[in-house]
Amino acid sequence: MEEPIISVSGLRGIIGHSLSPDLASRYARAFAATLQAGPIVLARDGRATGPMLVDAIRAGLLAEGRDCIEAGVAATPTLGVLVRAHSAAGGVQVSASHNPPAYNGLKAFGADGRVIPAVAGQKVIEKYHESRDHWVEHDRIGMSRSLEDSISAHFSKVAAIVDVPAIRRRKYSVVLDSNHGAGSVLGEFLLRELGCNVVVLGGEPHGHFAHPPEPTAENLVGVAATIRDAQADIGFCQDPDADRLAIIDGKGTYLGEEYTVAMCVDHVLRATPGPIVTNCSTSRMSEDLANKYGVPFFRAPVGEANVVDAMLANGAVFGGEGNGGPIEPRVGLVRDSFVGMALVLDAMAARDKSVAELAAELPRYEIHKTKVSVPKNKIAAAIDAVECAFPEASADRMDGLRLDWPGKWLQVRASNTEPICRAIAEAESLDEAQRLCDAANDILARV
């Protein structure tokens, strides 16, 4: 069997090719070996292979004397809340996020309810490669119990950050596309508790996706038509583990994932000014908003754990990643689609505006993304060549290479798993963003 892709936050692979019950159990036991005493919360998204992997993980943990708390199908941000609510030593989410159905994976959470940081993740990798078993005697086998209610704690935290009565008075018409992932478990309940009239697409979390799982414009054409035909006020579209949120307005226009974080940042800063953190690949909209409200803005390398590290270090009031992942510290230090839904509805109610009007008030930029094959032994030189080609730009090496100019930026990053470089550019026009990516790709391809 091939090796799975292992990172500091977890692992993923293709079932039957690079991910098996044995490998899942081995990783979970390696993770448990790095934790303090206490139970571990287990949850999964709706993928059909999830129960099989959870069974293997549970068996391995119990056999090494760990107690397990089982949440069943639950969103990734819900798991983070549950870890803290039950004073657990950690948590394991079985999910492959937006990857195709053949994939699945594990994401590790610490006792603080967040995805483990890089240092902790490296220790897990070391334990995984040591591959040592620590089976216990029959009278020390762990115990497992299932939660009767996996959503109330998370719902309460989300509801506490918005004006629930004000949203209820609006009686918004909402289409929720959970695409047969974990998002509907809390999503439908949350929206109904907020007084919304809800149409749920893909509400049954069986993992047989109605469309490709990443919530991009091309994958949501049918959903957008449904929202338009239903004359809904707004459409919310989640990825399979519900840590990402894309938004579609009432006319069926895809606003996208970048706007999710930016609209949340705008709404939060109106009431609670404070530092903001996003990753290096996120739209400049959030930085512009931070400047507008006179608060510090910080960037972090791509990756939820990196953003959370920077949020904690700088006392951020909000953060996120531009792929539709808002992070609200009052709820949890995890990307959270439910936070996004609640805050956007709260903004609509507070300002008596449609989501399209809220989006129109934000700084306007266009993003373009490309990738090009580069041999691994030439990637460093290729990125150096891109920097040399733009001496007038402000360069930053926090995460690959980021070049900034007034009103535009370009980032070039090497893939961790493939011999490619990804280029992402943002500018005030799509033509300019495409030009920047094309220029970078030409340089990368020549080295």
Protein backbone atom coordinates (compact mmCIF):
# COMPACT_ATOMS: atom_id res chain seq x y z
CA MET A 1 0.00 0.00 0.00
CA GLU A 2 1.14 3.54 -0.77
CA GLU A 3 1.86 5.92 2.09
CA PRO A 4 -0.81 8.52 2.90
CA ILE A 5 -0.08 12.22 2.73
CA ILE A 6 0.94 13.16 6.28
CA SER A 7 1.18 16.76 7.47
CA VAL A 8 1.56 18.39 10.85
CA SER A 9 -2.24 18.63 11.19
CA GLY A 10 -3.21 15.12 10.11
CA LEU A 11 -3.21 12.75 7.18
CA ARG A 12 -5.28 11.96 4.12
CA GLY A 13 -5.26 9.33 1.44
CA ILE A 14 -7.29 7.29 -1.02
CA ILE A 15 -9.18 4.43 0.55
CA GLY A 16 -7.69 1.11 -0.50
CA HIS A 17 -4.59 2.74 -2.01
CA SER A 18 -2.96 5.00 0.55
CA LEU A 19 -5.34 4.88 3.50
CA SER A 20 -6.49 1.77 5.34
CA PRO A 21 -8.08 1.04 8.74
CA ASP A 22 -4.66 -0.02 10.00
CA LEU A 23 -3.00 3.25 8.98
CA ALA A 24 -5.84 5.30 10.46
CA SER A 25 -5.56 3.45 13.77
CA ARG A 26 -1.79 3.78 13.74
CA TYR A 27 -1.95 7.55 13.24
CA ALA A 28 -4.63 8.02 15.91
CA ARG A 29 -2.61 6.00 18.42
CA ALA A 30 0.51 8.01 17.59
CA PHE A 31 -1.47 11.18 18.19
CA ALA A 32 -2.87 9.86 21.48
CA ALA A 33 0.66 9.06 22.66
CA THR A 34 1.46 12.80 22.56
CA LEU A 35 -1.54 13.82 24.69
CA GLN A 36 -2.17 14.15 28.39
CA ALA A 37 -4.49 11.68 30.11
CA GLY A 38 -8.16 11.95 29.24
CA PRO A 39 -10.75 10.91 26.67
CA ILE A 40 -10.54 11.60 22.95
CA VAL A 41 -13.56 12.88 21.02
CA LEU A 42 -14.20 11.17 17.67
CA ALA A 43 -16.30 12.65 14.86
CA ARG A 44 -16.63 12.25 11.12
CA ASP A 45 -18.11 13.93 8.08
CA GLY A 46 -20.68 12.12 5.94
CA ARG A 47 -18.33 10.10 3.73
CA ALA A 48 -19.36 6.48 3.29
CA THR A 49 -15.91 5.32 4.44
CA GLY A 50 -16.12 7.29 7.69
CA PRO A 51 -17.76 4.62 9.88
CA MET A 52 -15.14 2.06 8.90
CA LEU A 53 -12.28 4.40 9.82
CA VAL A 54 -13.92 5.49 13.07
CA ASP A 55 -14.36 1.83 14.04
CA ALA A 56 -10.65 1.21 13.45
CA ILE A 57 -9.59 4.34 15.32
CA ARG A 58 -11.83 3.55 18.27
CA ALA A 59 -10.57 -0.03 18.48
CA GLY A 60 -6.96 1.09 18.48
CA LEU A 61 -7.48 3.78 21.10
CA LEU A 62 -9.49 1.53 23.40
CA ALA A 63 -6.87 -1.20 23.08
CA GLU A 64 -4.25 1.25 24.33
CA GLY A 65 -6.42 2.25 27.29
CA ARG A 66 -7.92 5.49 25.96
CA ASP A 67 -11.55 6.37 26.56
CA CYS A 68 -13.47 7.67 23.55
CA ILE A 69 -16.39 10.08 23.27
CA GLU A 70 -18.23 9.58 19.99
CA ALA A 71 -20.02 12.47 18.32
CA GLY A 72 -21.02 10.57 15.18
CA VAL A 73 -21.48 12.79 12.12
CA ALA A 74 -20.39 16.27 13.16
CA ALA A 75 -18.79 19.27 11.49
CA THR A 76 -15.09 19.90 12.03
CA PRO A 77 -15.71 23.13 14.01
CA THR A 78 -18.27 21.29 16.13
CA LEU A 79 -15.59 18.80 17.14
CA GLY A 80 -13.42 21.66 18.36
CA VAL A 81 -16.21 22.90 20.61
CA LEU A 82 -16.92 19.38 21.90
CA VAL A 83 -13.30 18.78 22.88
CA ARG A 84 -13.43 21.77 25.21
CA ALA A 85 -16.99 21.16 26.40
CA HIS A 86 -16.07 17.65 27.58
CA SER A 87 -12.59 18.55 28.89
CA ALA A 88 -11.12 15.97 26.53
CA ALA A 89 -7.43 15.39 25.96
CA GLY A 90 -7.95 15.87 22.23
CA GLY A 91 -10.09 15.00 19.25
CA VAL A 92 -9.90 13.24 15.90
CA GLN A 93 -12.03 14.35 12.95
CA VAL A 94 -12.38 11.80 10.15
CA SER A 95 -12.74 13.86 6.99
CA ALA A 96 -11.07 14.63 3.71
CA SER A 97 -12.59 18.11 3.59
CA HIS A 98 -13.23 19.12 -0.04
CA ASN A 99 -11.35 16.19 -1.63
CA PRO A 100 -13.20 13.72 -3.92
CA PRO A 101 -15.19 10.79 -2.48
CA ALA A 102 -12.36 8.26 -2.79
CA TYR A 103 -10.37 10.22 -0.21
CA ASN A 104 -10.65 10.32 3.53
CA GLY A 105 -8.38 11.48 6.30
CA LEU A 106 -7.82 12.37 9.93
CA LYS A 107 -7.42 15.79 11.51
CA ALA A 108 -6.00 16.07 15.02
CA PHE A 109 -7.26 18.50 17.68
CA GLY A 110 -5.59 19.43 20.95
CA ALA A 111 -7.22 19.89 24.35
CA ASP A 112 -7.73 23.57 23.51
CA GLY A 113 -10.15 22.60 20.74
CA ARG A 114 -7.99 23.71 17.84
CA VAL A 115 -6.11 21.89 15.13
CA ILE A 116 -2.76 20.99 16.63
CA PRO A 117 0.07 23.44 15.83
CA ALA A 118 3.12 22.47 13.81
CA VAL A 119 5.35 21.58 16.78
CA ALA A 120 2.77 19.19 18.19
CA GLY A 121 2.08 17.83 14.72
CA GLN A 122 5.74 17.03 14.18
CA LYS A 123 5.75 15.00 17.40
CA VAL A 124 2.79 12.99 16.10
CA ILE A 125 4.63 12.29 12.85
CA GLU A 126 7.65 11.06 14.79
CA LYS A 127 5.46 8.75 16.88
CA TYR A 128 3.74 7.51 13.73
CA HIS A 129 7.03 6.51 12.14
CA GLU A 130 8.20 4.85 15.37
CA SER A 131 5.18 2.57 14.96
CA ARG A 132 5.25 1.27 18.53
CA ASP A 133 2.21 -0.43 20.02
CA HIS A 134 1.22 0.08 23.64
CA TRP A 135 -1.53 -2.49 24.11
CA VAL A 136 -2.92 -2.74 27.64
CA GLU A 137 -4.15 -5.68 29.72
CA HIS A 138 -7.81 -6.71 29.55
CA ASP A 139 -8.76 -4.84 32.70
CA ARG A 140 -7.36 -1.52 31.44
CA ILE A 141 -9.13 -1.39 28.07
CA GLY A 142 -10.72 2.02 27.45
CA MET A 143 -14.44 2.76 27.46
CA SER A 144 -16.46 4.37 24.68
CA ARG A 145 -19.66 6.37 24.96
CA SER A 146 -21.81 8.14 22.38
CA LEU A 147 -23.12 11.66 22.77
CA GLU A 148 -26.88 12.07 22.69
CA ASP A 149 -26.51 15.74 21.73
CA SER A 150 -23.53 16.86 19.68
CA ILE A 151 -24.72 20.30 18.52
CA SER A 152 -26.15 22.30 21.45
CA ALA A 153 -22.79 23.50 22.78
CA HIS A 154 -21.72 24.75 19.37
CA PHE A 155 -25.10 26.31 18.62
CA SER A 156 -25.07 28.22 21.90
CA LYS A 157 -21.66 29.69 21.20
CA VAL A 158 -22.64 30.80 17.70
CA ALA A 159 -25.96 32.25 18.84
CA ALA A 160 -24.20 34.24 21.57
CA ILE A 161 -22.24 36.36 19.07
CA VAL A 162 -25.26 37.65 17.09
CA ASP A 163 -28.54 39.46 17.75
CA VAL A 164 -30.87 36.48 17.48
CA PRO A 165 -34.16 38.43 17.93
CA ALA A 166 -33.16 40.91 15.21
CA ILE A 167 -32.40 38.12 12.75
CA ARG A 168 -35.61 36.28 13.64
CA ARG A 169 -37.70 39.36 12.89
CA ARG A 170 -36.42 39.35 9.31
CA LYS A 171 -37.61 35.79 8.57
CA TYR A 172 -34.99 35.38 5.89
CA SER A 173 -35.48 32.82 3.15
CA VAL A 174 -32.31 30.72 2.99
CA VAL A 175 -31.10 27.86 0.81
CA LEU A 176 -28.51 25.72 2.60
CA ASP A 177 -26.41 23.41 0.44
CA SER A 178 -24.65 20.88 2.67
CA ASN A 179 -24.00 18.53 -0.27
CA HIS A 180 -24.59 15.42 1.85
CA GLY A 181 -21.75 16.33 4.19
CA ALA A 182 -21.74 17.05 7.91
CA GLY A 183 -22.94 20.64 7.65
CA SER A 184 -26.66 19.97 7.75
CA VAL A 185 -26.51 18.43 11.24
CA LEU A 186 -26.09 21.84 12.86
CA GLY A 187 -26.73 24.06 9.84
CA GLU A 188 -30.45 23.46 9.43
CA PHE A 189 -31.04 23.67 13.19
CA LEU A 190 -29.08 26.92 13.47
CA LEU A 191 -30.91 28.61 10.60
CA ARG A 192 -34.34 27.57 11.87
CA GLU A 193 -33.45 28.82 15.36
CA LEU A 194 -32.54 32.12 13.71
CA GLY A 195 -36.07 32.30 12.32
CA CYS A 196 -35.16 31.51 8.73
CA ASN A 197 -37.32 29.71 6.21
CA VAL A 198 -34.87 27.05 5.07
CA VAL A 199 -34.59 24.89 1.99
CA VAL A 200 -31.90 22.26 2.55
CA LEU A 201 -30.04 20.69 -0.37
CA GLY A 202 -28.04 17.55 0.36
CA GLY A 203 -29.29 17.37 3.92
CA GLU A 204 -28.73 13.67 4.48
CA PRO A 205 -25.05 13.21 5.48
CA HIS A 206 -24.31 10.03 3.54
CA GLY A 207 -21.34 11.40 1.60
CA HIS A 208 -22.69 10.71 -1.90
CA PHE A 209 -22.10 14.26 -3.08
CA ALA A 210 -24.66 15.84 -5.42
CA HIS A 211 -21.87 17.89 -7.03
CA PRO A 212 -18.07 18.06 -6.64
CA PRO A 213 -17.39 18.81 -2.98
CA GLU A 214 -15.35 22.01 -3.24
CA PRO A 215 -17.76 24.99 -3.07
CA THR A 216 -16.48 26.83 -6.15
CA ALA A 217 -18.52 28.75 -8.72
CA GLU A 218 -18.31 26.02 -11.36
CA ASN A 219 -19.43 23.36 -8.89
CA LEU A 220 -22.40 25.38 -7.65
CA VAL A 221 -24.10 26.34 -10.93
CA GLY A 222 -27.11 24.15 -10.17
CA VAL A 223 -27.32 25.37 -6.59
CA ALA A 224 -27.22 28.98 -7.76
CA ALA A 225 -30.15 28.32 -10.09
CA THR A 226 -32.13 26.79 -7.23
CA ILE A 227 -31.49 29.83 -5.05
CA ARG A 228 -32.60 32.16 -7.84
CA ASP A 229 -35.71 30.11 -8.63
CA ALA A 230 -36.65 29.89 -4.95
CA GLN A 231 -36.41 33.70 -4.68
CA ALA A 232 -34.34 33.18 -1.56
CA ASP A 233 -32.61 36.02 0.23
CA ILE A 234 -29.31 34.15 0.37
CA GLY A 235 -27.66 30.80 -0.26
CA PHE A 236 -25.06 29.21 1.98
CA CYS A 237 -22.86 26.44 0.54
CA GLN A 238 -20.65 24.28 2.74
CA ASP A 239 -17.85 21.84 2.04
CA PRO A 240 -18.24 18.27 3.38
CA ASP A 241 -16.87 18.95 6.87
CA ALA A 242 -18.44 22.42 7.09
CA ASP A 243 -15.35 24.46 7.89
CA ARG A 244 -15.72 26.41 4.63
CA LEU A 245 -18.58 28.58 3.41
CA ALA A 246 -19.35 30.07 0.01
CA ILE A 247 -22.17 32.57 -0.41
CA ILE A 248 -24.63 33.07 -3.28
CA ASP A 249 -26.91 36.11 -3.38
CA GLY A 250 -30.65 36.11 -4.03
CA LYS A 251 -30.19 36.55 -7.77
CA GLY A 252 -28.05 33.43 -7.98
CA THR A 253 -24.77 35.32 -8.23
CA TYR A 254 -21.84 33.46 -6.72
CA LEU A 255 -20.09 35.84 -4.33
CA GLY A 256 -17.63 33.17 -3.36
CA GLU A 257 -15.51 32.23 -0.40
CA GLU A 258 -13.24 35.28 -0.24
CA TYR A 259 -16.27 37.42 0.53
CA THR A 260 -17.26 35.19 3.45
CA VAL A 261 -14.29 36.21 5.57
CA ALA A 262 -14.33 39.84 4.39
CA MET A 263 -18.01 40.37 5.23
CA CYS A 264 -17.46 38.82 8.64
CA VAL A 265 -14.41 41.02 9.27
CA ASP A 266 -16.38 44.14 8.33
CA HIS A 267 -19.25 43.21 10.64
CA VAL A 268 -17.07 42.24 13.61
CA LEU A 269 -14.90 45.37 13.39
CA ARG A 270 -17.93 47.66 13.47
CA ALA A 271 -18.67 46.44 17.00
CA THR A 272 -15.35 45.10 18.28
CA PRO A 273 -12.27 46.83 16.85
CA GLY A 274 -9.11 44.78 17.21
CA PRO A 275 -6.36 42.94 15.35
CA ILE A 276 -7.21 40.84 12.29
CA VAL A 277 -5.25 37.86 10.91
CA THR A 278 -5.56 36.13 7.53
CA ASN A 279 -3.23 33.90 5.60
CA CYS A 280 -0.90 35.10 2.86
CA SER A 281 -3.22 33.86 0.10
CA THR A 282 -6.35 35.65 1.30
CA SER A 283 -7.84 38.63 -0.51
CA ARG A 284 -6.61 42.09 0.38
CA MET A 285 -10.19 43.03 1.27
CA SER A 286 -9.61 42.13 4.93
CA GLU A 287 -6.41 44.17 5.09
CA ASP A 288 -8.19 47.16 3.57
CA LEU A 289 -10.97 46.79 6.13
CA ALA A 290 -8.46 46.65 8.98
CA ASN A 291 -6.91 49.87 7.67
CA LYS A 292 -10.37 51.44 7.38
CA TYR A 293 -11.14 50.72 11.03
CA GLY A 294 -7.65 51.60 12.21
CA VAL A 295 -6.74 48.20 13.64
CA PRO A 296 -3.59 46.08 13.23
CA PHE A 297 -3.51 43.51 10.43
CA PHE A 298 -1.29 40.44 10.34
CA ARG A 299 -0.63 37.72 7.80
CA ALA A 300 0.26 34.10 8.50
CA PRO A 301 1.41 31.22 6.31
CA VAL A 302 -1.33 29.19 4.66
CA GLY A 303 -2.88 26.64 7.02
CA GLU A 304 -5.48 26.94 9.74
CA ALA A 305 -2.99 26.16 12.51
CA ASN A 306 -0.68 28.94 11.32
CA VAL A 307 -3.50 31.47 11.27
CA VAL A 308 -4.60 30.45 14.77
CA ASP A 309 -1.02 30.72 16.05
CA ALA A 310 -0.86 34.29 14.73
CA MET A 311 -4.28 35.14 16.15
CA LEU A 312 -3.23 34.00 19.61
CA ALA A 313 0.11 35.78 19.39
CA ASN A 314 -1.50 39.08 18.38
CA GLY A 315 -4.75 38.97 20.36
CA ALA A 316 -6.86 38.96 17.21
CA VAL A 317 -10.60 39.53 17.43
CA PHE A 318 -11.14 37.67 14.17
CA GLY A 319 -9.26 35.76 11.53
CA GLY A 320 -9.63 33.35 8.70
CA GLU A 321 -8.54 31.92 5.42
CA GLY A 322 -9.84 33.16 2.09
CA ASN A 323 -11.20 29.77 1.12
CA GLY A 324 -14.32 30.60 3.11
CA GLY A 325 -12.96 29.79 6.55
CA PRO A 326 -13.85 32.42 9.18
CA ILE A 327 -12.34 31.94 12.65
CA GLU A 328 -14.18 33.58 15.57
CA PRO A 329 -12.30 33.19 18.89
CA ARG A 330 -15.49 33.62 20.92
CA VAL A 331 -16.80 30.40 19.34
CA GLY A 332 -13.63 28.43 18.72
CA LEU A 333 -10.23 28.54 17.09
CA VAL A 334 -11.39 26.56 14.06
CA ARG A 335 -12.62 27.62 10.60
CA ASP A 336 -16.38 27.65 10.98
CA SER A 337 -19.10 27.89 8.31
CA PHE A 338 -21.78 28.34 10.99
CA VAL A 339 -20.03 31.44 12.30
CA GLY A 340 -20.02 32.75 8.73
CA MET A 341 -23.74 32.14 8.26
CA ALA A 342 -24.70 33.74 11.55
CA LEU A 343 -22.50 36.81 11.17
CA VAL A 344 -23.62 37.52 7.59
CA LEU A 345 -27.29 37.24 8.57
CA ASP A 346 -26.57 39.47 11.57
CA ALA A 347 -24.97 42.06 9.30
CA MET A 348 -27.93 41.96 6.91
CA ALA A 349 -30.37 42.46 9.78
CA ALA A 350 -28.37 45.15 11.56
CA ARG A 351 -27.88 47.27 8.46
CA ASP A 352 -31.12 46.42 6.65
CA LYS A 353 -29.26 45.39 3.51
CA SER A 354 -29.19 42.39 1.22
CA VAL A 355 -26.06 40.28 1.02
CA ALA A 356 -25.44 41.67 -2.47
CA GLU A 357 -25.48 45.20 -1.03
CA LEU A 358 -23.08 44.18 1.75
CA ALA A 359 -20.70 42.70 -0.82
CA ALA A 360 -20.90 45.78 -3.02
CA GLU A 361 -19.64 47.95 -0.16
CA LEU A 362 -16.42 45.97 0.19
CA PRO A 363 -13.18 46.82 -1.64
CA ARG A 364 -13.31 45.27 -5.11
CA TYR A 365 -10.55 42.96 -6.28
CA GLU A 366 -10.19 40.06 -8.69
CA ILE A 367 -8.21 36.90 -7.93
CA HIS A 368 -6.61 34.52 -10.43
CA LYS A 369 -4.92 31.19 -9.62
CA THR A 370 -2.67 28.97 -11.72
CA LYS A 371 -0.11 26.20 -11.31
CA VAL A 372 2.90 25.05 -13.29
CA SER A 373 5.09 21.94 -13.10
CA VAL A 374 8.56 22.57 -11.69
CA PRO A 375 11.07 19.81 -10.78
CA LYS A 376 11.51 19.72 -7.02
CA ASN A 377 15.25 20.34 -7.27
CA LYS A 378 14.58 23.57 -9.20
CA ILE A 379 11.74 25.04 -7.18
CA ALA A 380 13.92 27.22 -4.92
CA ALA A 381 15.80 28.69 -7.88
CA ALA A 382 12.57 29.23 -9.78
CA ILE A 383 11.02 31.20 -6.93
CA ASP A 384 14.21 33.26 -6.59
CA ALA A 385 13.95 34.07 -10.30
CA VAL A 386 10.41 35.36 -9.88
CA GLU A 387 11.53 37.70 -7.10
CA CYS A 388 14.41 39.01 -9.20
CA ALA A 389 12.04 39.74 -12.09
CA PHE A 390 10.02 42.19 -9.99
CA PRO A 391 12.58 44.33 -8.10
CA GLU A 392 10.08 47.16 -7.63
CA ALA A 393 7.74 45.00 -5.54
CA SER A 394 7.83 44.56 -1.78
CA ALA A 395 8.91 40.95 -1.22
CA ASP A 396 8.05 38.66 1.68
CA ARG A 397 9.20 35.06 2.23
CA MET A 398 6.88 34.10 5.07
CA ASP A 399 5.10 31.56 2.87
CA GLY A 400 6.80 30.91 -0.43
CA LEU A 401 7.17 34.31 -2.10
CA ARG A 402 4.69 37.14 -1.88
CA LEU A 403 5.19 40.32 -3.92
CA ASP A 404 3.14 43.40 -3.12
CA TRP A 405 2.42 46.56 -5.09
CA PRO A 406 -0.20 49.24 -4.48
CA GLY A 407 -3.54 47.64 -5.35
CA LYS A 408 -2.19 44.21 -6.31
CA TRP A 409 -0.09 41.26 -5.15
CA LEU A 410 1.35 37.97 -6.36
CA GLN A 411 2.19 34.86 -4.37
CA VAL A 412 4.16 31.84 -5.55
CA ARG A 413 4.22 28.73 -3.36
CA ALA A 414 5.61 25.26 -3.83
CA SER A 415 3.20 22.38 -3.27
CA ASN A 416 4.00 20.15 -0.31
CA THR A 417 2.86 17.04 -2.14
CA GLU A 418 3.47 17.59 -5.87
CA PRO A 419 6.33 18.90 -8.06
CA ILE A 420 4.43 22.08 -8.89
CA CYS A 421 4.33 25.74 -7.97
CA ARG A 422 1.06 27.57 -7.48
CA ALA A 423 0.69 31.22 -8.41
CA ILE A 424 -2.10 33.37 -7.06
CA ALA A 425 -2.54 37.03 -7.91
CA GLU A 426 -5.04 39.67 -6.92
CA ALA A 427 -5.55 43.02 -8.59
CA GLU A 428 -8.23 45.59 -9.26
CA SER A 429 -8.93 43.93 -12.63
CA LEU A 430 -8.97 40.27 -13.65
CA ASP A 431 -6.75 41.07 -16.65
CA GLU A 432 -4.03 42.41 -14.37
CA ALA A 433 -4.29 39.43 -12.01
CA GLN A 434 -4.00 37.07 -14.98
CA ARG A 435 -1.03 39.03 -16.32
CA LEU A 436 0.82 38.65 -13.03
CA CYS A 437 0.18 34.90 -12.91
CA ASP A 438 1.20 34.47 -16.54
CA ALA A 439 4.42 36.38 -15.98
CA ALA A 440 5.26 34.25 -12.95
CA ASN A 441 4.45 31.03 -14.79
CA ASP A 442 6.69 31.99 -17.72
CA ILE A 443 9.61 32.51 -15.34
CA LEU A 444 8.92 29.31 -13.38
CA ALA A 445 8.72 27.24 -16.57
CA ARG A 446 12.04 28.56 -17.91
CA VAL A 447 14.20 27.74 -14.89
